Structures are given as structure tokens and as C-alpha cells.
Amino acid sequence: MTHDQVEAMTMGQRMAIMRDGVLQQCDEPEKVYQNPVNKFVASFIGSPPMNFVPAKITADGYVDAGEFKLPLQAGHGARAMVGKDVFLGIRPEEIFDANLTGHLEVTPGNTVQAKVDVLEPLGHEYVAYLNIGKHNLVASIDNETKIKENTMADFIVNLDRIHIFDAETEQAIR
């Protein structure tokens, strides 16, 4: 047993996440990381932690956070929740400098513009603290970036890796 998520992710073949004595999820570390069952598990696993943005599901298949919106993949369970309050979950490593994306195509749907408040150099990457209106997000971006602090920049969100959580129950919606 450990309270260290890094130790649990690297040493264990299975991991269990408890909250107030109640089992939340038990699975292989990678599956817990990629498919958290609820907002608590999603927030517990990952460093920097997952970003959570209050949003609504629109009739045209978007998750709308007010200052930006992202299209939901066809068949995503959240498409049936039109008008419902949700949390959009985006891991920092799934937000990319739009000028440095070799593996993701830049489209109007997956691109957001943000003010870069702070860049923390970590050698192999930068941790970027972003502001999109009233929303603050953290991104882990490539150390080759030309982005500067206190400027506006375009970022790509990997739409295949966004998470949606019911705002009331905090359960994942797939």
C-alpha cells in the first residue's frame, strides 16, 4: 500500500484508489490513468493533475465551456446529455503547442487560443499555465516551443483523450 501515485503507477500490476474508505477503481495502472471512472480518480492520478473545466453539452455535439468549445467524438455517451452540466477533463500532456504538432492535425475544432501566464522550464518540457477567459489550464508542452510568457498562443487539444464527467455525480461519461 502507498499514498504515492508515482510509486503505485510504476511498481504495481494493479492499483486500487480509495476515497473515504470506499473503493473507487481497481485496475491496471495504465487503464486507471487512461479511463478513470470518476472525477476523483482522474484528479488523483497524473502530475500535473488533470484540468477540469465546467461545461455543457450542446445539441450540435460539442462540450461548451463558454470561452471555448470542443467537438465530441461520434458515438460519445455525452452526446445524449444535451444541456447537462459536465466537467471537461483534459490532461496537461494532451494540450500541444499548435506550431509543434507532428502527430495531430490542426483543425478549427481542436484548436484553442490561450494567454500564457507562466512557463516553467523542466528541461525536457515546459509546464505552461494558461488562461482562457475565466478558465485556468495547465499544459505540458515540448521544450522546442517558441511560445513566450504573457502572450497569446494557439494550442491543440487531443480530442481522442478528453474526458467528460457528470457535474452532479462526477462519474465518467463514455
N, C-alpha and C. Protein backbone atom coordinates (compact mmCIF):
# COMPACT_ATOMS: atom_id res chain seq x y z
N MET A 1 0.84 -1.18 0.00
CA MET A 1 0.00 0.00 0.00
C MET A 1 0.89 1.24 0.00
N THR A 2 0.45 2.25 -0.74
CA THR A 2 1.18 3.51 -0.81
C THR A 2 0.21 4.65 -1.08
N HIS A 3 0.60 5.82 -0.66
CA HIS A 3 -0.15 7.02 -0.99
C HIS A 3 0.54 7.78 -2.12
N ASP A 4 1.63 7.20 -2.62
CA ASP A 4 2.43 7.82 -3.68
C ASP A 4 1.95 7.30 -5.03
N GLN A 5 1.30 8.16 -5.81
CA GLN A 5 0.75 7.73 -7.10
C GLN A 5 1.83 7.28 -8.06
N VAL A 6 3.01 7.91 -8.04
CA VAL A 6 4.09 7.52 -8.94
C VAL A 6 4.56 6.12 -8.61
N GLU A 7 4.74 5.84 -7.32
CA GLU A 7 5.13 4.51 -6.89
C GLU A 7 4.08 3.48 -7.30
N ALA A 8 2.83 3.80 -7.11
CA ALA A 8 1.75 2.88 -7.48
C ALA A 8 1.72 2.63 -8.98
N MET A 9 1.93 3.66 -9.77
CA MET A 9 1.89 3.52 -11.23
C MET A 9 3.06 2.68 -11.74
N THR A 10 4.24 2.82 -11.13
CA THR A 10 5.42 2.16 -11.66
C THR A 10 5.68 0.78 -11.07
N MET A 11 5.24 0.52 -9.86
CA MET A 11 5.58 -0.74 -9.20
C MET A 11 4.47 -1.78 -9.24
N GLY A 12 3.26 -1.33 -9.29
CA GLY A 12 2.15 -2.27 -9.17
C GLY A 12 1.62 -2.75 -10.50
N GLN A 13 1.12 -3.99 -10.51
CA GLN A 13 0.45 -4.52 -11.70
C GLN A 13 -1.03 -4.14 -11.69
N ARG A 14 -1.53 -3.88 -10.50
CA ARG A 14 -2.90 -3.39 -10.32
C ARG A 14 -2.85 -2.33 -9.24
N MET A 15 -3.75 -1.39 -9.34
CA MET A 15 -3.81 -0.37 -8.30
C MET A 15 -5.26 -0.13 -7.93
N ALA A 16 -5.46 0.19 -6.67
CA ALA A 16 -6.80 0.49 -6.16
C ALA A 16 -6.78 1.90 -5.61
N ILE A 17 -7.80 2.67 -5.97
CA ILE A 17 -7.93 4.03 -5.48
C ILE A 17 -9.11 4.07 -4.53
N MET A 18 -8.83 4.51 -3.31
CA MET A 18 -9.85 4.58 -2.26
C MET A 18 -10.16 6.04 -1.97
N ARG A 19 -11.41 6.28 -1.56
CA ARG A 19 -11.81 7.61 -1.12
C ARG A 19 -12.72 7.43 0.08
N ASP A 20 -12.29 7.95 1.21
CA ASP A 20 -13.06 7.84 2.45
C ASP A 20 -13.46 6.39 2.73
N GLY A 21 -12.52 5.47 2.50
CA GLY A 21 -12.76 4.06 2.78
C GLY A 21 -13.58 3.32 1.74
N VAL A 22 -13.91 3.97 0.64
CA VAL A 22 -14.72 3.35 -0.41
C VAL A 22 -13.85 3.16 -1.66
N LEU A 23 -13.83 1.94 -2.18
CA LEU A 23 -13.08 1.65 -3.39
C LEU A 23 -13.69 2.40 -4.56
N GLN A 24 -12.87 3.19 -5.25
CA GLN A 24 -13.33 3.94 -6.41
C GLN A 24 -13.04 3.20 -7.71
N GLN A 25 -11.83 2.65 -7.81
CA GLN A 25 -11.44 1.94 -9.03
C GLN A 25 -10.28 1.02 -8.72
N CYS A 26 -10.28 -0.15 -9.33
CA CYS A 26 -9.18 -1.11 -9.19
C CYS A 26 -8.91 -1.68 -10.57
N ASP A 27 -7.69 -1.48 -11.06
CA ASP A 27 -7.36 -1.95 -12.41
C ASP A 27 -5.86 -1.79 -12.62
N GLU A 28 -5.40 -2.13 -13.82
CA GLU A 28 -4.01 -1.91 -14.18
C GLU A 28 -3.75 -0.40 -14.19
N PRO A 29 -2.55 0.03 -13.78
CA PRO A 29 -2.26 1.46 -13.69
C PRO A 29 -2.58 2.24 -14.97
N GLU A 30 -2.20 1.72 -16.12
CA GLU A 30 -2.44 2.43 -17.38
C GLU A 30 -3.93 2.58 -17.65
N LYS A 31 -4.71 1.56 -17.32
CA LYS A 31 -6.16 1.65 -17.53
C LYS A 31 -6.80 2.66 -16.60
N VAL A 32 -6.32 2.72 -15.36
CA VAL A 32 -6.83 3.72 -14.42
C VAL A 32 -6.51 5.12 -14.93
N TYR A 33 -5.29 5.28 -15.44
CA TYR A 33 -4.86 6.59 -15.95
C TYR A 33 -5.66 7.00 -17.18
N GLN A 34 -5.82 6.09 -18.12
CA GLN A 34 -6.49 6.41 -19.38
C GLN A 34 -8.01 6.47 -19.26
N ASN A 35 -8.58 5.68 -18.35
CA ASN A 35 -10.04 5.58 -18.23
C ASN A 35 -10.50 5.69 -16.78
N PRO A 36 -10.27 6.82 -16.15
CA PRO A 36 -10.73 6.97 -14.76
C PRO A 36 -12.25 6.89 -14.70
N VAL A 37 -12.76 6.21 -13.66
CA VAL A 37 -14.21 6.02 -13.56
C VAL A 37 -14.93 7.26 -13.06
N ASN A 38 -14.19 8.15 -12.41
CA ASN A 38 -14.84 9.36 -11.90
C ASN A 38 -13.82 10.50 -11.78
N LYS A 39 -14.33 11.66 -11.45
CA LYS A 39 -13.50 12.87 -11.36
C LYS A 39 -12.45 12.74 -10.26
N PHE A 40 -12.79 12.09 -9.15
CA PHE A 40 -11.83 11.92 -8.07
C PHE A 40 -10.61 11.12 -8.55
N VAL A 41 -10.85 9.98 -9.19
CA VAL A 41 -9.75 9.15 -9.68
C VAL A 41 -8.93 9.94 -10.71
N ALA A 42 -9.61 10.64 -11.60
CA ALA A 42 -8.92 11.42 -12.63
C ALA A 42 -8.03 12.49 -12.00
N SER A 43 -8.48 13.10 -10.91
CA SER A 43 -7.71 14.16 -10.27
C SER A 43 -6.56 13.60 -9.44
N PHE A 44 -6.69 12.36 -9.00
CA PHE A 44 -5.69 11.74 -8.13
C PHE A 44 -4.48 11.25 -8.91
N ILE A 45 -4.71 10.77 -10.12
CA ILE A 45 -3.66 10.17 -10.93
C ILE A 45 -3.18 11.17 -11.97
N GLY A 46 -1.88 11.42 -12.00
CA GLY A 46 -1.30 12.31 -13.01
C GLY A 46 -0.63 13.50 -12.38
N SER A 47 0.51 13.89 -12.97
CA SER A 47 1.25 15.04 -12.48
C SER A 47 1.88 15.76 -13.68
N PRO A 48 1.50 17.00 -13.91
CA PRO A 48 0.49 17.77 -13.21
C PRO A 48 -0.88 17.11 -13.35
N PRO A 49 -1.78 17.43 -12.42
CA PRO A 49 -3.10 16.79 -12.44
C PRO A 49 -3.96 17.24 -13.62
N MET A 50 -5.00 16.45 -13.88
CA MET A 50 -5.93 16.75 -14.96
C MET A 50 -6.59 18.11 -14.74
N ASN A 51 -6.80 18.83 -15.83
CA ASN A 51 -7.56 20.08 -15.81
C ASN A 51 -9.05 19.74 -15.83
N PHE A 52 -9.84 20.46 -15.06
CA PHE A 52 -11.30 20.30 -15.07
C PHE A 52 -11.93 21.65 -15.37
N VAL A 53 -12.81 21.66 -16.37
CA VAL A 53 -13.46 22.89 -16.80
C VAL A 53 -14.96 22.67 -16.79
N PRO A 54 -15.73 23.49 -16.06
CA PRO A 54 -17.19 23.37 -16.11
C PRO A 54 -17.68 23.65 -17.53
N ALA A 55 -18.63 22.84 -17.99
CA ALA A 55 -19.11 22.98 -19.37
C ALA A 55 -20.53 22.43 -19.48
N LYS A 56 -21.09 22.56 -20.67
CA LYS A 56 -22.39 21.99 -21.01
C LYS A 56 -22.25 21.26 -22.34
N ILE A 57 -23.11 20.27 -22.54
CA ILE A 57 -23.16 19.55 -23.80
C ILE A 57 -24.19 20.23 -24.69
N THR A 58 -23.80 20.52 -25.94
CA THR A 58 -24.70 21.21 -26.86
C THR A 58 -25.37 20.22 -27.80
N ALA A 59 -26.47 20.65 -28.38
CA ALA A 59 -27.25 19.80 -29.30
C ALA A 59 -26.45 19.45 -30.56
N ASP A 60 -25.49 20.30 -30.92
CA ASP A 60 -24.70 20.01 -32.12
C ASP A 60 -23.44 19.20 -31.83
N GLY A 61 -23.36 18.59 -30.62
CA GLY A 61 -22.29 17.65 -30.32
C GLY A 61 -21.00 18.24 -29.82
N TYR A 62 -21.09 19.36 -29.12
CA TYR A 62 -19.90 19.99 -28.55
C TYR A 62 -19.98 19.97 -27.03
N VAL A 63 -18.81 20.05 -26.41
CA VAL A 63 -18.73 20.34 -24.99
C VAL A 63 -18.32 21.81 -24.93
N ASP A 64 -19.22 22.64 -24.39
CA ASP A 64 -19.09 24.09 -24.45
C ASP A 64 -18.72 24.64 -23.08
N ALA A 65 -17.51 25.20 -22.99
CA ALA A 65 -17.02 25.76 -21.73
C ALA A 65 -17.19 27.28 -21.68
N GLY A 66 -17.95 27.83 -22.62
CA GLY A 66 -18.17 29.28 -22.65
C GLY A 66 -17.13 29.97 -23.50
N GLU A 67 -15.91 30.06 -23.04
CA GLU A 67 -14.84 30.73 -23.79
C GLU A 67 -14.30 29.87 -24.93
N PHE A 68 -14.54 28.58 -24.87
CA PHE A 68 -14.13 27.69 -25.96
C PHE A 68 -15.03 26.47 -25.94
N LYS A 69 -15.09 25.79 -27.08
CA LYS A 69 -15.85 24.55 -27.15
C LYS A 69 -15.09 23.56 -28.02
N LEU A 70 -15.27 22.29 -27.69
CA LEU A 70 -14.59 21.21 -28.41
C LEU A 70 -15.63 20.21 -28.89
N PRO A 71 -15.44 19.67 -30.10
CA PRO A 71 -16.39 18.67 -30.60
C PRO A 71 -16.20 17.33 -29.90
N LEU A 72 -17.31 16.68 -29.61
CA LEU A 72 -17.26 15.32 -29.06
C LEU A 72 -17.14 14.34 -30.21
N GLN A 73 -16.41 13.27 -29.98
CA GLN A 73 -16.28 12.23 -30.99
C GLN A 73 -17.63 11.59 -31.24
N ALA A 74 -17.86 11.16 -32.47
CA ALA A 74 -19.10 10.47 -32.81
C ALA A 74 -19.27 9.27 -31.89
N GLY A 75 -20.45 9.07 -31.37
CA GLY A 75 -20.72 7.94 -30.50
C GLY A 75 -20.38 8.16 -29.04
N HIS A 76 -19.83 9.31 -28.68
CA HIS A 76 -19.51 9.56 -27.27
C HIS A 76 -20.80 9.64 -26.47
N GLY A 77 -20.83 8.98 -25.33
CA GLY A 77 -22.03 8.93 -24.50
C GLY A 77 -22.53 10.28 -24.04
N ALA A 78 -21.65 11.28 -23.97
CA ALA A 78 -22.06 12.62 -23.53
C ALA A 78 -22.96 13.30 -24.54
N ARG A 79 -22.97 12.84 -25.78
CA ARG A 79 -23.83 13.45 -26.80
C ARG A 79 -25.31 13.33 -26.42
N ALA A 80 -25.64 12.36 -25.59
CA ALA A 80 -27.03 12.16 -25.16
C ALA A 80 -27.40 13.06 -23.98
N MET A 81 -26.47 13.88 -23.52
CA MET A 81 -26.69 14.70 -22.32
C MET A 81 -26.84 16.18 -22.66
N VAL A 82 -27.51 16.48 -23.74
CA VAL A 82 -27.67 17.86 -24.21
C VAL A 82 -28.22 18.75 -23.10
N GLY A 83 -27.54 19.87 -22.88
CA GLY A 83 -27.96 20.84 -21.87
C GLY A 83 -27.49 20.53 -20.46
N LYS A 84 -26.91 19.36 -20.24
CA LYS A 84 -26.48 18.96 -18.89
C LYS A 84 -25.14 19.61 -18.54
N ASP A 85 -24.99 19.90 -17.25
CA ASP A 85 -23.72 20.40 -16.74
C ASP A 85 -22.75 19.23 -16.62
N VAL A 86 -21.53 19.45 -17.09
CA VAL A 86 -20.49 18.44 -17.03
C VAL A 86 -19.17 19.12 -16.66
N PHE A 87 -18.18 18.30 -16.40
CA PHE A 87 -16.80 18.77 -16.30
C PHE A 87 -16.05 18.18 -17.49
N LEU A 88 -15.37 19.05 -18.22
CA LEU A 88 -14.47 18.62 -19.28
C LEU A 88 -13.13 18.37 -18.62
N GLY A 89 -12.58 17.18 -18.80
CA GLY A 89 -11.28 16.84 -18.25
C GLY A 89 -10.25 16.73 -19.36
N ILE A 90 -9.14 17.45 -19.19
CA ILE A 90 -8.06 17.41 -20.18
C ILE A 90 -6.74 17.26 -19.42
N ARG A 91 -6.01 16.19 -19.71
CA ARG A 91 -4.70 16.03 -19.09
C ARG A 91 -3.72 17.03 -19.71
N PRO A 92 -2.80 17.57 -18.90
CA PRO A 92 -1.85 18.57 -19.41
C PRO A 92 -1.05 18.10 -20.62
N GLU A 93 -0.73 16.82 -20.67
CA GLU A 93 0.07 16.31 -21.79
C GLU A 93 -0.74 16.10 -23.07
N GLU A 94 -2.03 16.38 -23.02
CA GLU A 94 -2.89 16.28 -24.21
C GLU A 94 -3.22 17.67 -24.77
N ILE A 95 -2.48 18.69 -24.31
CA ILE A 95 -2.58 20.05 -24.84
C ILE A 95 -1.22 20.37 -25.46
N PHE A 96 -1.22 20.70 -26.75
CA PHE A 96 0.02 20.86 -27.50
C PHE A 96 0.15 22.25 -28.10
N ASP A 97 1.39 22.72 -28.20
CA ASP A 97 1.69 23.94 -28.95
C ASP A 97 1.27 23.68 -30.39
N ALA A 98 0.38 24.50 -30.93
CA ALA A 98 -0.15 24.27 -32.28
C ALA A 98 0.93 24.36 -33.36
N ASN A 99 2.06 24.97 -33.05
CA ASN A 99 3.15 25.07 -34.02
C ASN A 99 4.10 23.88 -33.99
N LEU A 100 3.89 22.97 -33.04
CA LEU A 100 4.80 21.83 -32.89
C LEU A 100 4.07 20.49 -32.87
N THR A 101 3.07 20.34 -33.68
CA THR A 101 2.31 19.09 -33.64
C THR A 101 2.61 18.27 -34.88
N GLY A 102 3.46 17.30 -34.71
CA GLY A 102 3.76 16.41 -35.81
C GLY A 102 2.74 15.32 -35.97
N HIS A 103 2.09 14.93 -34.89
CA HIS A 103 1.18 13.78 -34.94
C HIS A 103 -0.30 14.16 -34.88
N LEU A 104 -0.63 15.40 -34.59
CA LEU A 104 -2.02 15.83 -34.55
C LEU A 104 -2.27 16.88 -35.62
N GLU A 105 -3.35 16.71 -36.34
CA GLU A 105 -3.72 17.67 -37.36
C GLU A 105 -4.39 18.88 -36.71
N VAL A 106 -4.01 20.07 -37.15
CA VAL A 106 -4.62 21.30 -36.65
C VAL A 106 -5.94 21.50 -37.38
N THR A 107 -7.04 21.56 -36.61
CA THR A 107 -8.36 21.82 -37.19
C THR A 107 -9.01 22.92 -36.37
N PRO A 108 -10.01 23.61 -36.93
CA PRO A 108 -10.70 24.63 -36.13
C PRO A 108 -11.34 24.04 -34.87
N GLY A 109 -11.74 22.79 -34.91
CA GLY A 109 -12.41 22.18 -33.77
C GLY A 109 -11.51 21.81 -32.61
N ASN A 110 -10.24 21.54 -32.88
CA ASN A 110 -9.37 21.10 -31.79
C ASN A 110 -8.39 22.17 -31.33
N THR A 111 -8.54 23.38 -31.83
CA THR A 111 -7.61 24.46 -31.51
C THR A 111 -8.26 25.48 -30.58
N VAL A 112 -7.52 25.85 -29.54
CA VAL A 112 -7.98 26.89 -28.62
C VAL A 112 -6.87 27.93 -28.49
N GLN A 113 -7.28 29.16 -28.26
CA GLN A 113 -6.31 30.23 -28.05
C GLN A 113 -6.30 30.56 -26.56
N ALA A 114 -5.09 30.69 -26.01
CA ALA A 114 -4.96 30.96 -24.58
C ALA A 114 -3.84 31.96 -24.34
N LYS A 115 -3.96 32.68 -23.24
CA LYS A 115 -2.88 33.55 -22.78
C LYS A 115 -1.94 32.68 -21.95
N VAL A 116 -0.67 32.77 -22.23
CA VAL A 116 0.33 32.02 -21.49
C VAL A 116 0.78 32.89 -20.32
N ASP A 117 0.35 32.53 -19.12
CA ASP A 117 0.70 33.31 -17.94
C ASP A 117 2.12 33.01 -17.47
N VAL A 118 2.45 31.72 -17.36
CA VAL A 118 3.75 31.31 -16.83
C VAL A 118 4.24 30.09 -17.60
N LEU A 119 5.55 30.04 -17.85
CA LEU A 119 6.20 28.86 -18.42
C LEU A 119 7.25 28.38 -17.42
N GLU A 120 7.13 27.15 -16.97
CA GLU A 120 8.13 26.57 -16.07
C GLU A 120 9.00 25.61 -16.87
N PRO A 121 10.27 25.93 -17.09
CA PRO A 121 11.14 25.01 -17.83
C PRO A 121 11.53 23.81 -16.95
N LEU A 122 11.35 22.61 -17.50
CA LEU A 122 11.73 21.40 -16.78
C LEU A 122 12.79 20.61 -17.54
N GLY A 123 13.42 21.23 -18.52
CA GLY A 123 14.42 20.53 -19.33
C GLY A 123 13.78 19.88 -20.54
N HIS A 124 13.13 18.76 -20.35
CA HIS A 124 12.52 18.02 -21.45
C HIS A 124 11.18 18.60 -21.89
N GLU A 125 10.61 19.48 -21.08
CA GLU A 125 9.32 20.09 -21.40
C GLU A 125 9.15 21.38 -20.60
N TYR A 126 8.10 22.10 -20.95
CA TYR A 126 7.66 23.25 -20.17
C TYR A 126 6.30 22.92 -19.58
N VAL A 127 6.09 23.33 -18.36
CA VAL A 127 4.74 23.33 -17.81
C VAL A 127 4.23 24.75 -18.03
N ALA A 128 3.17 24.85 -18.83
CA ALA A 128 2.60 26.14 -19.20
C ALA A 128 1.31 26.36 -18.44
N TYR A 129 1.19 27.51 -17.80
CA TYR A 129 -0.03 27.89 -17.10
C TYR A 129 -0.80 28.83 -18.03
N LEU A 130 -1.96 28.38 -18.46
CA LEU A 130 -2.73 29.06 -19.49
C LEU A 130 -3.99 29.66 -18.92
N ASN A 131 -4.45 30.72 -19.58
CA ASN A 131 -5.70 31.36 -19.20
C ASN A 131 -6.56 31.51 -20.44
N ILE A 132 -7.77 30.96 -20.36
CA ILE A 132 -8.77 31.13 -21.42
C ILE A 132 -9.99 31.74 -20.75
N GLY A 133 -10.06 33.06 -20.76
CA GLY A 133 -11.16 33.74 -20.08
C GLY A 133 -11.11 33.45 -18.59
N LYS A 134 -12.18 32.85 -18.06
CA LYS A 134 -12.23 32.54 -16.63
C LYS A 134 -11.63 31.18 -16.30
N HIS A 135 -11.14 30.47 -17.31
CA HIS A 135 -10.60 29.12 -17.11
C HIS A 135 -9.08 29.14 -17.09
N ASN A 136 -8.52 28.48 -16.08
CA ASN A 136 -7.08 28.30 -15.99
C ASN A 136 -6.76 26.85 -16.27
N LEU A 137 -5.81 26.62 -17.17
CA LEU A 137 -5.41 25.27 -17.52
C LEU A 137 -3.90 25.14 -17.41
N VAL A 138 -3.45 23.91 -17.25
CA VAL A 138 -2.03 23.61 -17.23
C VAL A 138 -1.75 22.70 -18.42
N ALA A 139 -0.67 22.98 -19.14
CA ALA A 139 -0.26 22.16 -20.27
C ALA A 139 1.20 21.77 -20.11
N SER A 140 1.53 20.55 -20.51
CA SER A 140 2.92 20.10 -20.57
C SER A 140 3.31 20.14 -22.04
N ILE A 141 4.13 21.11 -22.41
CA ILE A 141 4.43 21.29 -23.84
C ILE A 141 5.92 21.06 -24.12
N ASP A 142 6.19 20.76 -25.36
CA ASP A 142 7.53 20.43 -25.84
C ASP A 142 8.52 21.56 -25.54
N ASN A 143 9.74 21.17 -25.19
CA ASN A 143 10.75 22.18 -24.88
C ASN A 143 11.25 22.94 -26.11
N GLU A 144 10.81 22.55 -27.30
CA GLU A 144 11.17 23.26 -28.54
C GLU A 144 10.25 24.45 -28.80
N THR A 145 9.29 24.67 -27.94
CA THR A 145 8.31 25.74 -28.16
C THR A 145 8.97 27.11 -28.28
N LYS A 146 8.35 27.95 -29.06
CA LYS A 146 8.79 29.36 -29.19
C LYS A 146 7.84 30.29 -28.43
N ILE A 147 6.86 29.71 -27.77
CA ILE A 147 5.87 30.48 -27.02
C ILE A 147 6.56 31.22 -25.87
N LYS A 148 6.11 32.42 -25.61
CA LYS A 148 6.65 33.25 -24.52
C LYS A 148 5.56 33.55 -23.50
N GLU A 149 5.99 33.85 -22.28
CA GLU A 149 5.06 34.25 -21.23
C GLU A 149 4.36 35.55 -21.60
N ASN A 150 3.15 35.72 -21.09
CA ASN A 150 2.34 36.92 -21.30
C ASN A 150 2.02 37.20 -22.77
N THR A 151 1.88 36.13 -23.54
CA THR A 151 1.46 36.25 -24.94
C THR A 151 0.29 35.31 -25.19
N MET A 152 -0.42 35.57 -26.28
CA MET A 152 -1.49 34.68 -26.72
C MET A 152 -0.87 33.64 -27.65
N ALA A 153 -1.36 32.42 -27.55
CA ALA A 153 -0.84 31.34 -28.40
C ALA A 153 -1.95 30.35 -28.70
N ASP A 154 -1.78 29.63 -29.79
CA ASP A 154 -2.74 28.60 -30.18
C ASP A 154 -2.26 27.25 -29.66
N PHE A 155 -3.22 26.48 -29.15
CA PHE A 155 -2.94 25.15 -28.62
C PHE A 155 -3.92 24.16 -29.23
N ILE A 156 -3.45 22.94 -29.40
CA ILE A 156 -4.29 21.86 -29.90
C ILE A 156 -4.61 20.93 -28.74
N VAL A 157 -5.87 20.53 -28.66
CA VAL A 157 -6.31 19.55 -27.67
C VAL A 157 -6.51 18.23 -28.40
N ASN A 158 -5.94 17.17 -27.86
CA ASN A 158 -6.13 15.84 -28.43
C ASN A 158 -7.55 15.38 -28.10
N LEU A 159 -8.44 15.49 -29.06
CA LEU A 159 -9.86 15.19 -28.83
C LEU A 159 -10.11 13.72 -28.51
N ASP A 160 -9.19 12.84 -28.90
CA ASP A 160 -9.34 11.41 -28.59
C ASP A 160 -9.12 11.14 -27.10
N ARG A 161 -8.55 12.10 -26.39
CA ARG A 161 -8.18 11.87 -24.99
C ARG A 161 -8.88 12.80 -24.01
N ILE A 162 -9.95 13.48 -24.44
CA ILE A 162 -10.67 14.30 -23.47
C ILE A 162 -11.58 13.40 -22.64
N HIS A 163 -11.89 13.86 -21.45
CA HIS A 163 -12.76 13.12 -20.53
C HIS A 163 -13.95 14.01 -20.19
N ILE A 164 -15.11 13.38 -20.03
CA ILE A 164 -16.32 14.10 -19.64
C ILE A 164 -16.85 13.45 -18.36
N PHE A 165 -17.15 14.29 -17.37
CA PHE A 165 -17.68 13.82 -16.09
C PHE A 165 -19.00 14.52 -15.81
N ASP A 166 -19.98 13.76 -15.38
CA ASP A 166 -21.28 14.33 -14.99
C ASP A 166 -21.03 15.28 -13.82
N ALA A 167 -21.52 16.51 -13.90
CA ALA A 167 -21.28 17.50 -12.85
C ALA A 167 -21.95 17.13 -11.54
N GLU A 168 -23.06 16.41 -11.62
CA GLU A 168 -23.80 16.05 -10.41
C GLU A 168 -23.19 14.83 -9.71
N THR A 169 -22.94 13.77 -10.47
CA THR A 169 -22.45 12.52 -9.87
C THR A 169 -20.93 12.41 -9.90
N GLU A 170 -20.29 13.20 -10.75
CA GLU A 170 -18.85 13.17 -11.00
C GLU A 170 -18.38 11.86 -11.63
N GLN A 171 -19.30 11.04 -12.12
CA GLN A 171 -18.95 9.80 -12.81
C GLN A 171 -18.54 10.10 -14.24
N ALA A 172 -17.61 9.29 -14.76
CA ALA A 172 -17.18 9.45 -16.15
C ALA A 172 -18.32 9.08 -17.09
N ILE A 173 -18.39 9.81 -18.19
CA ILE A 173 -19.37 9.53 -19.25
C ILE A 173 -18.56 9.13 -20.47
N ARG A 174 -18.87 7.95 -20.99
CA ARG A 174 -18.10 7.46 -22.16
C ARG A 174 -19.00 7.25 -23.33
